[in-house]
Amino acid sequence: MSFSSEVKEELERQISPARHCQIAELAAILNFCGQYGRDKEGRYTIGFQTENISVVRKGFTLLKKTYNIETDVAVSDEQMQALHQKIGSLEEPVSNLLIKNSCCQRAFLRGAFLSIGSMSDPQKSYHLEFVCTDEDKARQLQSVIQGFGIDAKIVLRKKYYVVYLKEGESIVDLLNICEAHVSLMKLENMRILKEMRNSINRRVNCETANITKTVNASARQVEDIEYIRDHYGFQRLPDSLRQMAEIRLENPDAPLKELGEYLDPPVGKSGVNHRLRKLSELADRLRT
């Protein structure tokens, strides 16, 4: 099961205790994937255009709780009238009166994600989106999300208006708003592990680069010193440079600090580096 499906299963089980919040979530589900109709006998019907069974179960659960509408019987004229008066047309965005309270906005976003939301695998990338068929509905959804301080953007993808989040922290905040707390904790754990792996990889890459740099520098130093030995002679060097050249040849892999400890008297890294640079400059002059 995908992470997105796990989130939806958790949201399906989350039922607000307040009827006004239940209606707000129901309004979102009906608005984004619901439809009104009539059967062959002319009786009212309510359906959901979705392949996700969690959406269907949640939609009918909310219909039962808010308007006592059963899934196995026709919808009466009185029930349909009451529902239509509250929810309104499904062609227009949800009435702002239904989502004026923060708690109702949370329920609305929960219903929206159930209906048209999806998430990428957090182990690969951070991306959460809502795919809307109507620009006005997308703008309303974006506005509600931004009302919680989350930066939601809209992009036109073919004929759909996609409201999306790209930052891991923003996605965590939205899951918290929708009250998907178990999924939130799973995502946070994944983020921590991912950041730890990235940190370790950066450190290893840095250390590898430093080692490579040190090895390459040492190889150049040994090459220069051997050239001086063969074309100039150590006996012509000042004592400090001769001693440095001999110790570097004896310890080709040693770091500068360790080389300095072998000298008599010992010198620091800067002193070792200065002497090796002098030897390299001499080798360059001999080659020209």
C-alpha atoms as a PDB file:
ATOM      1  CA  MET A   1       0.000   0.000   0.000  1.00  0.00           C
ATOM      2  CA  SER A   2       1.293   3.452  -0.919  1.00  0.00           C
ATOM      3  CA  PHE A   3       1.907   6.103   1.724  1.00  0.00           C
ATOM      4  CA  SER A   4      -0.844   8.211   0.150  1.00  0.00           C
ATOM      5  CA  SER A   5      -3.338   5.345   0.591  1.00  0.00           C
ATOM      6  CA  GLU A   6      -2.277   4.931   4.222  1.00  0.00           C
ATOM      7  CA  VAL A   7      -2.987   8.611   4.837  1.00  0.00           C
ATOM      8  CA  LYS A   8      -6.449   8.283   3.282  1.00  0.00           C
ATOM      9  CA  GLU A   9      -7.290   5.220   5.364  1.00  0.00           C
ATOM     10  CA  GLU A  10      -6.356   7.147   8.496  1.00  0.00           C
ATOM     11  CA  LEU A  11      -8.420  10.161   7.413  1.00  0.00           C
ATOM     12  CA  GLU A  12     -11.374   7.905   6.733  1.00  0.00           C
ATOM     13  CA  ARG A  13     -11.388   6.842  10.380  1.00  0.00           C
ATOM     14  CA  GLN A  14     -11.139  10.427  11.659  1.00  0.00           C
ATOM     15  CA  ILE A  15     -14.672  11.707  12.408  1.00  0.00           C
ATOM     16  CA  SER A  16     -15.200  15.179  13.878  1.00  0.00           C
ATOM     17  CA  PRO A  17     -17.524  15.141  16.924  1.00  0.00           C
ATOM     18  CA  ALA A  18     -19.261  18.383  15.880  1.00  0.00           C
ATOM     19  CA  ARG A  19     -22.009  18.198  13.265  1.00  0.00           C
ATOM     20  CA  HIS A  20     -20.918  21.463  11.600  1.00  0.00           C
ATOM     21  CA  CYS A  21     -17.447  19.983  11.015  1.00  0.00           C
ATOM     22  CA  GLN A  22     -18.977  16.785   9.654  1.00  0.00           C
ATOM     23  CA  ILE A  23     -21.029  18.867   7.199  1.00  0.00           C
ATOM     24  CA  ALA A  24     -17.894  20.810   6.149  1.00  0.00           C
ATOM     25  CA  GLU A  25     -16.048  17.573   5.375  1.00  0.00           C
ATOM     26  CA  LEU A  26     -19.082  16.124   3.596  1.00  0.00           C
ATOM     27  CA  ALA A  27     -19.351  19.334   1.549  1.00  0.00           C
ATOM     28  CA  ALA A  28     -15.728  18.918   0.432  1.00  0.00           C
ATOM     29  CA  ILE A  29     -16.233  15.288  -0.601  1.00  0.00           C
ATOM     30  CA  LEU A  30     -19.464  16.047  -2.476  1.00  0.00           C
ATOM     31  CA  ASN A  31     -18.000  19.182  -4.024  1.00  0.00           C
ATOM     32  CA  PHE A  32     -14.897  17.466  -5.375  1.00  0.00           C
ATOM     33  CA  CYS A  33     -16.168  14.020  -6.345  1.00  0.00           C
ATOM     34  CA  GLY A  34     -19.909  13.777  -5.526  1.00  0.00           C
ATOM     35  CA  GLN A  35     -22.956  13.847  -7.768  1.00  0.00           C
ATOM     36  CA  TYR A  36     -26.722  14.154  -7.385  1.00  0.00           C
ATOM     37  CA  GLY A  37     -29.023  12.123  -9.586  1.00  0.00           C
ATOM     38  CA  ARG A  38     -32.269  10.211  -9.937  1.00  0.00           C
ATOM     39  CA  ASP A  39     -32.930   6.511 -10.415  1.00  0.00           C
ATOM     40  CA  LYS A  40     -35.334   4.937 -12.913  1.00  0.00           C
ATOM     41  CA  GLU A  41     -38.243   5.575 -10.574  1.00  0.00           C
ATOM     42  CA  GLY A  42     -37.362   9.248 -10.348  1.00  0.00           C
ATOM     43  CA  ARG A  43     -36.094   9.052  -6.771  1.00  0.00           C
ATOM     44  CA  TYR A  44     -33.086  11.116  -5.698  1.00  0.00           C
ATOM     45  CA  THR A  45     -29.669   9.439  -5.500  1.00  0.00           C
ATOM     46  CA  ILE A  46     -26.265  10.517  -4.252  1.00  0.00           C
ATOM     47  CA  GLY A  47     -23.016   9.041  -5.553  1.00  0.00           C
ATOM     48  CA  PHE A  48     -19.266   9.539  -5.559  1.00  0.00           C
ATOM     49  CA  GLN A  49     -17.084   9.423  -8.666  1.00  0.00           C
ATOM     50  CA  THR A  50     -13.934   7.852  -7.283  1.00  0.00           C
ATOM     51  CA  GLU A  51     -11.918   4.641  -7.385  1.00  0.00           C
ATOM     52  CA  ASN A  52     -10.938   4.981  -3.732  1.00  0.00           C
ATOM     53  CA  ILE A  53     -13.226   2.983  -1.451  1.00  0.00           C
ATOM     54  CA  SER A  54     -12.138   5.072   1.562  1.00  0.00           C
ATOM     55  CA  VAL A  55     -13.794   8.128   0.008  1.00  0.00           C
ATOM     56  CA  VAL A  56     -17.051   6.257  -0.607  1.00  0.00           C
ATOM     57  CA  ARG A  57     -17.178   4.840   2.912  1.00  0.00           C
ATOM     58  CA  LYS A  58     -16.414   8.207   4.493  1.00  0.00           C
ATOM     59  CA  GLY A  59     -18.948   9.996   2.289  1.00  0.00           C
ATOM     60  CA  PHE A  60     -21.796   7.686   3.181  1.00  0.00           C
ATOM     61  CA  THR A  61     -20.779   7.633   6.848  1.00  0.00           C
ATOM     62  CA  LEU A  62     -21.084  11.429   6.945  1.00  0.00           C
ATOM     63  CA  LEU A  63     -24.406  11.351   5.051  1.00  0.00           C
ATOM     64  CA  LYS A  64     -25.763   8.971   7.690  1.00  0.00           C
ATOM     65  CA  LYS A  65     -24.471  11.054  10.615  1.00  0.00           C
ATOM     66  CA  THR A  66     -25.541  14.458   9.302  1.00  0.00           C
ATOM     67  CA  TYR A  67     -28.769  13.803   7.360  1.00  0.00           C
ATOM     68  CA  ASN A  68     -29.660  10.218   8.299  1.00  0.00           C
ATOM     69  CA  ILE A  69     -29.332   9.196   4.645  1.00  0.00           C
ATOM     70  CA  GLU A  70     -28.799   5.454   4.220  1.00  0.00           C
ATOM     71  CA  THR A  71     -26.866   3.916   1.349  1.00  0.00           C
ATOM     72  CA  ASP A  72     -29.415   1.156   0.678  1.00  0.00           C
ATOM     73  CA  VAL A  73     -32.573   3.267   0.435  1.00  0.00           C
ATOM     74  CA  ALA A  74     -33.689   6.108  -1.805  1.00  0.00           C
ATOM     75  CA  VAL A  75     -33.122   9.668  -0.661  1.00  0.00           C
ATOM     76  CA  SER A  76     -36.390  11.341   0.251  1.00  0.00           C
ATOM     77  CA  ASP A  77     -37.397  14.735  -1.107  1.00  0.00           C
ATOM     78  CA  GLU A  78     -37.117  16.234   2.393  1.00  0.00           C
ATOM     79  CA  GLN A  79     -33.616  14.818   2.915  1.00  0.00           C
ATOM     80  CA  MET A  80     -32.468  15.999  -0.484  1.00  0.00           C
ATOM     81  CA  GLN A  81     -33.901  19.452   0.075  1.00  0.00           C
ATOM     82  CA  ALA A  82     -32.183  19.762   3.455  1.00  0.00           C
ATOM     83  CA  LEU A  83     -28.888  18.585   1.989  1.00  0.00           C
ATOM     84  CA  HIS A  84     -29.112  20.850  -1.026  1.00  0.00           C
ATOM     85  CA  GLN A  85     -30.014  23.885   1.098  1.00  0.00           C
ATOM     86  CA  LYS A  86     -26.917  23.358   3.232  1.00  0.00           C
ATOM     87  CA  ILE A  87     -24.383  22.114   0.677  1.00  0.00           C
ATOM     88  CA  GLY A  88     -25.686  23.960  -2.365  1.00  0.00           C
ATOM     89  CA  SER A  89     -24.724  23.336  -5.978  1.00  0.00           C
ATOM     90  CA  LEU A  90     -21.811  20.992  -6.592  1.00  0.00           C
ATOM     91  CA  GLU A  91     -20.776  23.112  -9.574  1.00  0.00           C
ATOM     92  CA  GLU A  92     -19.692  26.006  -7.329  1.00  0.00           C
ATOM     93  CA  PRO A  93     -17.070  26.190  -4.555  1.00  0.00           C
ATOM     94  CA  VAL A  94     -18.223  25.293  -1.044  1.00  0.00           C
ATOM     95  CA  SER A  95     -20.082  28.111   0.728  1.00  0.00           C
ATOM     96  CA  ASN A  96     -17.725  30.137   2.898  1.00  0.00           C
ATOM     97  CA  LEU A  97     -20.340  29.985   5.663  1.00  0.00           C
ATOM     98  CA  LEU A  98     -19.664  26.234   5.992  1.00  0.00           C
ATOM     99  CA  ILE A  99     -15.930  26.736   6.510  1.00  0.00           C
ATOM    100  CA  LYS A 100     -15.766  30.013   8.426  1.00  0.00           C
ATOM    101  CA  ASN A 101     -14.464  28.292  11.580  1.00  0.00           C
ATOM    102  CA  SER A 102     -10.934  26.891  11.859  1.00  0.00           C
ATOM    103  CA  CYS A 103     -12.235  23.474  12.934  1.00  0.00           C
ATOM    104  CA  CYS A 104     -14.495  23.310   9.864  1.00  0.00           C
ATOM    105  CA  GLN A 105     -11.588  24.322   7.626  1.00  0.00           C
ATOM    106  CA  ARG A 106      -9.597  21.391   9.006  1.00  0.00           C
ATOM    107  CA  ALA A 107     -12.490  19.062   8.219  1.00  0.00           C
ATOM    108  CA  PHE A 108     -12.835  20.598   4.758  1.00  0.00           C
ATOM    109  CA  LEU A 109      -9.148  19.929   3.992  1.00  0.00           C
ATOM    110  CA  ARG A 110      -9.512  16.374   5.281  1.00  0.00           C
ATOM    111  CA  GLY A 111     -12.399  15.766   2.892  1.00  0.00           C
ATOM    112  CA  ALA A 112     -10.505  17.435   0.043  1.00  0.00           C
ATOM    113  CA  PHE A 113      -7.443  15.214   0.479  1.00  0.00           C
ATOM    114  CA  LEU A 114      -9.613  12.124   0.691  1.00  0.00           C
ATOM    115  CA  SER A 115     -11.358  13.087  -2.540  1.00  0.00           C
ATOM    116  CA  ILE A 116      -8.672  14.544  -4.812  1.00  0.00           C
ATOM    117  CA  GLY A 117      -5.405  14.504  -2.847  1.00  0.00           C
ATOM    118  CA  SER A 118      -2.311  12.390  -3.298  1.00  0.00           C
ATOM    119  CA  MET A 119       1.256  12.191  -2.019  1.00  0.00           C
ATOM    120  CA  SER A 120       4.504  10.925  -3.468  1.00  0.00           C
ATOM    121  CA  ASP A 121       6.578   8.354  -1.599  1.00  0.00           C
ATOM    122  CA  PRO A 122       8.356  10.437   1.103  1.00  0.00           C
ATOM    123  CA  GLN A 123      11.428   8.209   0.819  1.00  0.00           C
ATOM    124  CA  LYS A 124      11.894   9.488  -2.726  1.00  0.00           C
ATOM    125  CA  SER A 125      10.561  13.058  -2.727  1.00  0.00           C
ATOM    126  CA  TYR A 126       8.244  15.468  -0.927  1.00  0.00           C
ATOM    127  CA  HIS A 127       5.179  16.329  -2.989  1.00  0.00           C
ATOM    128  CA  LEU A 128       1.510  16.616  -2.034  1.00  0.00           C
ATOM    129  CA  GLU A 129      -1.189  17.776  -4.434  1.00  0.00           C
ATOM    130  CA  PHE A 130      -4.917  18.232  -4.995  1.00  0.00           C
ATOM    131  CA  VAL A 131      -6.129  17.859  -8.592  1.00  0.00           C
ATOM    132  CA  CYS A 132      -9.142  20.116  -9.275  1.00  0.00           C
ATOM    133  CA  THR A 133     -11.268  20.293 -12.411  1.00  0.00           C
ATOM    134  CA  ASP A 134     -12.401  23.856 -11.633  1.00  0.00           C
ATOM    135  CA  GLU A 135     -10.183  26.905 -11.111  1.00  0.00           C
ATOM    136  CA  ASP A 136     -12.489  28.569  -8.570  1.00  0.00           C
ATOM    137  CA  LYS A 137     -12.500  25.431  -6.425  1.00  0.00           C
ATOM    138  CA  ALA A 138      -8.713  25.251  -6.666  1.00  0.00           C
ATOM    139  CA  ARG A 139      -8.431  28.903  -5.581  1.00  0.00           C
ATOM    140  CA  GLN A 140     -10.691  28.289  -2.605  1.00  0.00           C
ATOM    141  CA  LEU A 141      -8.669  25.242  -1.580  1.00  0.00           C
ATOM    142  CA  GLN A 142      -5.426  27.193  -1.909  1.00  0.00           C
ATOM    143  CA  SER A 143      -6.872  30.022   0.193  1.00  0.00           C
ATOM    144  CA  VAL A 144      -7.928  27.671   2.997  1.00  0.00           C
ATOM    145  CA  ILE A 145      -4.472  26.036   3.072  1.00  0.00           C
ATOM    146  CA  GLN A 146      -2.714  29.410   3.067  1.00  0.00           C
ATOM    147  CA  GLY A 147      -4.951  30.493   5.938  1.00  0.00           C
ATOM    148  CA  PHE A 148      -2.984  28.027   8.097  1.00  0.00           C
ATOM    149  CA  GLY A 149       0.317  29.637   7.074  1.00  0.00           C
ATOM    150  CA  ILE A 150       1.215  27.004   4.467  1.00  0.00           C
ATOM    151  CA  ASP A 151       2.567  28.104   1.095  1.00  0.00           C
ATOM    152  CA  ALA A 152       0.353  26.296  -1.429  1.00  0.00           C
ATOM    153  CA  LYS A 153       0.800  26.977  -5.144  1.00  0.00           C
ATOM    154  CA  ILE A 154      -1.354  26.281  -8.210  1.00  0.00           C
ATOM    155  CA  VAL A 155      -0.187  25.010 -11.588  1.00  0.00           C
ATOM    156  CA  LEU A 156      -2.277  24.251 -14.686  1.00  0.00           C
ATOM    157  CA  ARG A 157      -1.615  20.670 -15.795  1.00  0.00           C
ATOM    158  CA  LYS A 158      -3.437  19.940 -19.035  1.00  0.00           C
ATOM    159  CA  LYS A 159      -7.065  20.725 -18.171  1.00  0.00           C
ATOM    160  CA  TYR A 160      -6.655  20.410 -14.387  1.00  0.00           C
ATOM    161  CA  TYR A 161      -5.776  22.980 -11.723  1.00  0.00           C
ATOM    162  CA  VAL A 162      -3.311  21.387  -9.321  1.00  0.00           C
ATOM    163  CA  VAL A 163      -2.844  22.809  -5.822  1.00  0.00           C
ATOM    164  CA  TYR A 164       0.489  21.524  -4.531  1.00  0.00           C
ATOM    165  CA  LEU A 165       3.039  21.568  -1.699  1.00  0.00           C
ATOM    166  CA  LYS A 166       6.724  20.777  -2.250  1.00  0.00           C
ATOM    167  CA  GLU A 167       8.331  21.252   1.168  1.00  0.00           C
ATOM    168  CA  GLY A 168       8.476  18.384   3.659  1.00  0.00           C
ATOM    169  CA  GLU A 169       7.730  20.734   6.556  1.00  0.00           C
ATOM    170  CA  SER A 170       4.629  22.094   4.779  1.00  0.00           C
ATOM    171  CA  ILE A 171       3.340  18.583   4.142  1.00  0.00           C
ATOM    172  CA  VAL A 172       3.854  17.697   7.810  1.00  0.00           C
ATOM    173  CA  ASP A 173       1.893  20.801   8.802  1.00  0.00           C
ATOM    174  CA  LEU A 174      -0.975  19.892   6.473  1.00  0.00           C
ATOM    175  CA  LEU A 175      -1.172  16.332   7.809  1.00  0.00           C
ATOM    176  CA  ASN A 176      -1.332  17.794  11.299  1.00  0.00           C
ATOM    177  CA  ILE A 177      -4.151  20.123  10.266  1.00  0.00           C
ATOM    178  CA  CYS A 178      -6.061  17.183   8.778  1.00  0.00           C
ATOM    179  CA  GLU A 179      -5.411  15.239  12.013  1.00  0.00           C
ATOM    180  CA  ALA A 180      -3.546  12.395  10.297  1.00  0.00           C
ATOM    181  CA  HIS A 181      -1.243  12.076  13.314  1.00  0.00           C
ATOM    182  CA  VAL A 182      -0.042   8.496  12.705  1.00  0.00           C
ATOM    183  CA  SER A 183       0.927   9.304   9.115  1.00  0.00           C
ATOM    184  CA  LEU A 184       2.550  12.497  10.345  1.00  0.00           C
ATOM    185  CA  MET A 185       4.803  10.562  12.735  1.00  0.00           C
ATOM    186  CA  LYS A 186       5.748   8.091   9.982  1.00  0.00           C
ATOM    187  CA  LEU A 187       6.635  10.960   7.685  1.00  0.00           C
ATOM    188  CA  GLU A 188       8.682  12.691  10.383  1.00  0.00           C
ATOM    189  CA  ASN A 189      10.622   9.473  11.019  1.00  0.00           C
ATOM    190  CA  MET A 190      11.308   9.138   7.297  1.00  0.00           C
ATOM    191  CA  ARG A 191      12.451  12.764   7.144  1.00  0.00           C
ATOM    192  CA  ILE A 192      14.831  12.269  10.077  1.00  0.00           C
ATOM    193  CA  LEU A 193      16.350   9.118   8.551  1.00  0.00           C
ATOM    194  CA  LYS A 194      16.634  10.797   5.157  1.00  0.00           C
ATOM    195  CA  GLU A 195      18.349  13.848   6.638  1.00  0.00           C
ATOM    196  CA  MET A 196      20.719  11.624   8.632  1.00  0.00           C
ATOM    197  CA  ARG A 197      21.657   9.675   5.497  1.00  0.00           C
ATOM    198  CA  ASN A 198      22.198  12.892   3.568  1.00  0.00           C
ATOM    199  CA  SER A 199      24.319  14.297   6.391  1.00  0.00           C
ATOM    200  CA  ILE A 200      26.434  11.130   6.538  1.00  0.00           C
ATOM    201  CA  ASN A 201      26.838  11.103   2.763  1.00  0.00           C
ATOM    202  CA  ARG A 202      27.927  14.743   2.776  1.00  0.00           C
ATOM    203  CA  ARG A 203      30.444  14.035   5.529  1.00  0.00           C
ATOM    204  CA  VAL A 204      31.809  10.954   3.763  1.00  0.00           C
ATOM    205  CA  ASN A 205      32.054  12.844   0.479  1.00  0.00           C
ATOM    206  CA  CYS A 206      33.856  15.699   2.231  1.00  0.00           C
ATOM    207  CA  GLU A 207      36.290  13.350   3.953  1.00  0.00           C
ATOM    208  CA  THR A 208      36.853  11.451   0.704  1.00  0.00           C
ATOM    209  CA  ALA A 209      37.567  14.713  -1.103  1.00  0.00           C
ATOM    210  CA  ASN A 210      40.016  15.758   1.627  1.00  0.00           C
ATOM    211  CA  ILE A 211      41.778  12.394   1.501  1.00  0.00           C
ATOM    212  CA  THR A 212      42.007  12.577  -2.287  1.00  0.00           C
ATOM    213  CA  LYS A 213      43.357  16.101  -2.056  1.00  0.00           C
ATOM    214  CA  THR A 214      45.962  15.030   0.528  1.00  0.00           C
ATOM    215  CA  VAL A 215      47.024  11.974  -1.496  1.00  0.00           C
ATOM    216  CA  ASN A 216      47.354  14.016  -4.690  1.00  0.00           C
ATOM    217  CA  ALA A 217      49.370  16.709  -2.907  1.00  0.00           C
ATOM    218  CA  SER A 218      51.642  14.089  -1.338  1.00  0.00           C
ATOM    219  CA  ALA A 219      52.184  12.427  -4.726  1.00  0.00           C
ATOM    220  CA  ARG A 220      53.171  15.757  -6.287  1.00  0.00           C
ATOM    221  CA  GLN A 221      55.545  16.496  -3.397  1.00  0.00           C
ATOM    222  CA  VAL A 222      57.252  13.101  -3.713  1.00  0.00           C
ATOM    223  CA  GLU A 223      57.557  13.568  -7.473  1.00  0.00           C
ATOM    224  CA  ASP A 224      59.155  16.999  -7.014  1.00  0.00           C
ATOM    225  CA  ILE A 225      61.555  15.749  -4.354  1.00  0.00           C
ATOM    226  CA  GLU A 226      62.636  12.784  -6.489  1.00  0.00           C
ATOM    227  CA  TYR A 227      63.265  15.162  -9.393  1.00  0.00           C
ATOM    228  CA  ILE A 228      65.435  17.361  -7.148  1.00  0.00           C
ATOM    229  CA  ARG A 229      67.334  14.290  -5.909  1.00  0.00           C
ATOM    230  CA  ASP A 230      68.019  13.049  -9.444  1.00  0.00           C
ATOM    231  CA  HIS A 231      68.763  16.391 -11.137  1.00  0.00           C
ATOM    232  CA  TYR A 232      70.118  18.601  -8.367  1.00  0.00           C
ATOM    233  CA  GLY A 233      71.146  16.473  -5.415  1.00  0.00           C
ATOM    234  CA  PHE A 234      70.129  16.654  -1.768  1.00  0.00           C
ATOM    235  CA  GLN A 235      73.659  17.653  -0.757  1.00  0.00           C
ATOM    236  CA  ARG A 236      73.153  21.049  -2.392  1.00  0.00           C
ATOM    237  CA  LEU A 237      70.017  21.785  -0.339  1.00  0.00           C
ATOM    238  CA  PRO A 238      69.965  23.762   2.928  1.00  0.00           C
ATOM    239  CA  ASP A 239      69.791  21.461   5.950  1.00  0.00           C
ATOM    240  CA  SER A 240      66.136  22.335   6.645  1.00  0.00           C
ATOM    241  CA  LEU A 241      65.024  21.488   3.093  1.00  0.00           C
ATOM    242  CA  ARG A 242      67.248  18.399   2.850  1.00  0.00           C
ATOM    243  CA  GLN A 243      65.829  17.006   6.061  1.00  0.00           C
ATOM    244  CA  MET A 244      62.284  17.784   4.870  1.00  0.00           C
ATOM    245  CA  ALA A 245      62.896  16.079   1.515  1.00  0.00           C
ATOM    246  CA  GLU A 246      64.301  12.923   3.122  1.00  0.00           C
ATOM    247  CA  ILE A 247      61.476  12.630   5.655  1.00  0.00           C
ATOM    248  CA  ARG A 248      58.789  13.111   2.977  1.00  0.00           C
ATOM    249  CA  LEU A 249      60.321  10.333   0.860  1.00  0.00           C
ATOM    250  CA  GLU A 250      60.447   8.051   3.897  1.00  0.00           C
ATOM    251  CA  ASN A 251      56.811   8.867   4.806  1.00  0.00           C
ATOM    252  CA  PRO A 252      54.938   9.506   1.533  1.00  0.00           C
ATOM    253  CA  ASP A 253      51.475   9.032   3.096  1.00  0.00           C
ATOM    254  CA  ALA A 254      51.982  10.943   6.341  1.00  0.00           C
ATOM    255  CA  PRO A 255      49.967  14.155   6.948  1.00  0.00           C
ATOM    256  CA  LEU A 256      51.780  17.451   7.410  1.00  0.00           C
ATOM    257  CA  LYS A 257      51.390  17.489  11.191  1.00  0.00           C
ATOM    258  CA  GLU A 258      52.996  14.059  11.500  1.00  0.00           C
ATOM    259  CA  LEU A 259      55.859  15.052   9.187  1.00  0.00           C
ATOM    260  CA  GLY A 260      56.570  18.060  11.382  1.00  0.00           C
ATOM    261  CA  GLU A 261      56.984  15.789  14.411  1.00  0.00           C
ATOM    262  CA  TYR A 262      59.693  13.792  12.605  1.00  0.00           C
ATOM    263  CA  LEU A 263      61.833  16.876  12.012  1.00  0.00           C
ATOM    264  CA  ASP A 264      64.637  17.874  14.370  1.00  0.00           C
ATOM    265  CA  PRO A 265      63.665  20.186  15.885  1.00  0.00           C
ATOM    266  CA  PRO A 266      59.924  19.546  15.310  1.00  0.00           C
ATOM    267  CA  VAL A 267      57.915  22.200  13.445  1.00  0.00           C
ATOM    268  CA  GLY A 268      54.197  22.830  12.944  1.00  0.00           C
ATOM    269  CA  LYS A 269      52.007  22.279   9.883  1.00  0.00           C
ATOM    270  CA  SER A 270      52.652  25.760   8.524  1.00  0.00           C
ATOM    271  CA  GLY A 271      56.422  25.230   8.757  1.00  0.00           C
ATOM    272  CA  VAL A 272      56.205  21.864   6.986  1.00  0.00           C
ATOM    273  CA  ASN A 273      53.969  23.332   4.293  1.00  0.00           C
ATOM    274  CA  HIS A 274      56.413  26.230   3.797  1.00  0.00           C
ATOM    275  CA  ARG A 275      59.396  23.883   3.303  1.00  0.00           C
ATOM    276  CA  LEU A 276      57.498  21.596   0.907  1.00  0.00           C
ATOM    277  CA  ARG A 277      56.409  24.610  -1.111  1.00  0.00           C
ATOM    278  CA  LYS A 278      60.057  25.728  -1.354  1.00  0.00           C
ATOM    279  CA  LEU A 279      61.018  22.277  -2.640  1.00  0.00           C
ATOM    280  CA  SER A 280      58.215  22.354  -5.243  1.00  0.00           C
ATOM    281  CA  GLU A 281      59.303  25.811  -6.422  1.00  0.00           C
ATOM    282  CA  LEU A 282      62.873  24.539  -6.819  1.00  0.00           C
ATOM    283  CA  ALA A 283      61.678  21.521  -8.796  1.00  0.00           C
ATOM    284  CA  ASP A 284      59.674  23.814 -11.097  1.00  0.00           C
ATOM    285  CA  ARG A 285      62.736  25.972 -11.731  1.00  0.00           C
ATOM    286  CA  LEU A 286      64.863  22.911 -12.516  1.00  0.00           C
ATOM    287  CA  ARG A 287      62.290  21.694 -15.037  1.00  0.00           C
ATOM    288  CA  THR A 288      62.286  24.949 -17.015  1.00  0.00           C
END
